[in-house]
Amino acid sequence: MNSTTESRSHGVKQGMVSCKATWKALLGMSFTHFPLILPGVHPLVAPLVMFRLKRRGFSNCRVEVSGSGLVVYADR
């Protein structure tokens, strides 16, 4: 196993984004508790997360990019 493959398999631990985590956040996001931590999610997904929150009636929405992914804040 070379170093590139090893870094991809441990990407979430090293602060890299994961395609699987990004798709999971987009398709199966639960809005039960906040702040919601989405590890390994790509920062470009933040506007889509905000759109889904607003469409579901949340207000005071904010998405912050952290070293390990996204942190989502919202109120009902």
Protein backbone atom coordinates (compact mmCIF):
# COMPACT_ATOMS: atom_id res chain seq x y z
CA MET A 1 0.00 0.00 0.00
CA ASN A 2 1.50 3.34 -0.96
CA SER A 3 1.23 6.58 0.99
CA THR A 4 -1.47 8.02 -1.31
CA THR A 5 -3.80 5.07 -0.71
CA GLU A 6 -3.14 5.18 3.02
CA SER A 7 -3.97 8.89 3.22
CA ARG A 8 -7.25 8.31 1.35
CA SER A 9 -8.34 5.49 3.64
CA HIS A 10 -7.67 7.60 6.73
CA GLY A 11 -8.86 10.91 5.23
CA VAL A 12 -11.43 11.83 7.87
CA LYS A 13 -8.91 11.45 10.68
CA GLN A 14 -6.45 13.73 8.91
CA GLY A 15 -8.98 16.48 8.16
CA MET A 16 -9.56 15.53 4.53
CA VAL A 17 -12.99 15.34 2.96
CA SER A 18 -14.75 12.09 2.15
CA CYS A 19 -17.13 11.56 -0.77
CA LYS A 20 -19.08 8.98 1.22
CA ALA A 21 -19.53 11.38 4.17
CA THR A 22 -20.58 14.17 1.81
CA TRP A 23 -23.27 12.04 0.11
CA LYS A 24 -24.48 10.75 3.47
CA ALA A 25 -24.83 14.33 4.73
CA LEU A 26 -26.78 15.39 1.65
CA LEU A 27 -29.15 12.44 1.45
CA GLY A 28 -29.64 11.26 5.01
CA MET A 29 -29.15 14.27 7.24
CA SER A 30 -31.13 14.18 10.49
CA PHE A 31 -32.42 17.48 11.87
CA THR A 32 -33.11 16.33 15.44
CA HIS A 33 -30.41 18.10 17.42
CA PHE A 34 -28.03 21.01 16.99
CA PRO A 35 -25.16 21.72 16.73
CA LEU A 36 -24.92 18.99 14.14
CA ILE A 37 -21.38 17.84 13.37
CA LEU A 38 -20.74 16.44 9.89
CA PRO A 39 -17.18 15.05 9.84
CA GLY A 40 -15.45 14.64 6.50
CA VAL A 41 -18.03 16.67 4.54
CA HIS A 42 -16.74 18.94 1.77
CA PRO A 43 -17.10 22.70 2.48
CA LEU A 44 -18.83 23.30 -0.88
CA VAL A 45 -21.86 21.40 0.46
CA ALA A 46 -22.58 24.13 3.06
CA PRO A 47 -24.98 26.13 0.82
CA LEU A 48 -26.98 22.96 0.08
CA VAL A 49 -27.23 22.19 3.79
CA MET A 50 -28.46 25.74 4.41
CA PHE A 51 -31.03 25.40 1.60
CA ARG A 52 -32.43 22.16 3.09
CA LEU A 53 -32.64 23.72 6.57
CA LYS A 54 -34.51 26.77 5.28
CA ARG A 55 -36.91 24.59 3.25
CA ARG A 56 -37.74 22.61 6.40
CA GLY A 57 -38.61 25.75 8.39
CA PHE A 58 -35.46 26.34 10.42
CA SER A 59 -34.26 29.86 11.16
CA ASN A 60 -31.02 31.39 12.40
CA CYS A 61 -29.14 28.82 10.32
CA ARG A 62 -25.38 28.83 10.10
CA VAL A 63 -22.80 26.35 8.81
CA GLU A 64 -19.18 26.64 9.92
CA VAL A 65 -16.24 24.88 8.33
CA SER A 66 -14.05 23.19 10.92
CA GLY A 67 -10.84 21.23 10.52
CA SER A 68 -12.70 17.94 10.36
CA GLY A 69 -15.82 18.88 8.37
CA LEU A 70 -18.91 21.04 8.91
CA VAL A 71 -20.72 22.20 12.04
CA VAL A 72 -24.39 23.12 11.53
CA TYR A 73 -26.42 25.41 13.82
CA ALA A 74 -30.15 26.15 13.48
CA ASP A 75 -33.29 27.04 15.47
CA ARG A 76 -36.93 26.11 14.95
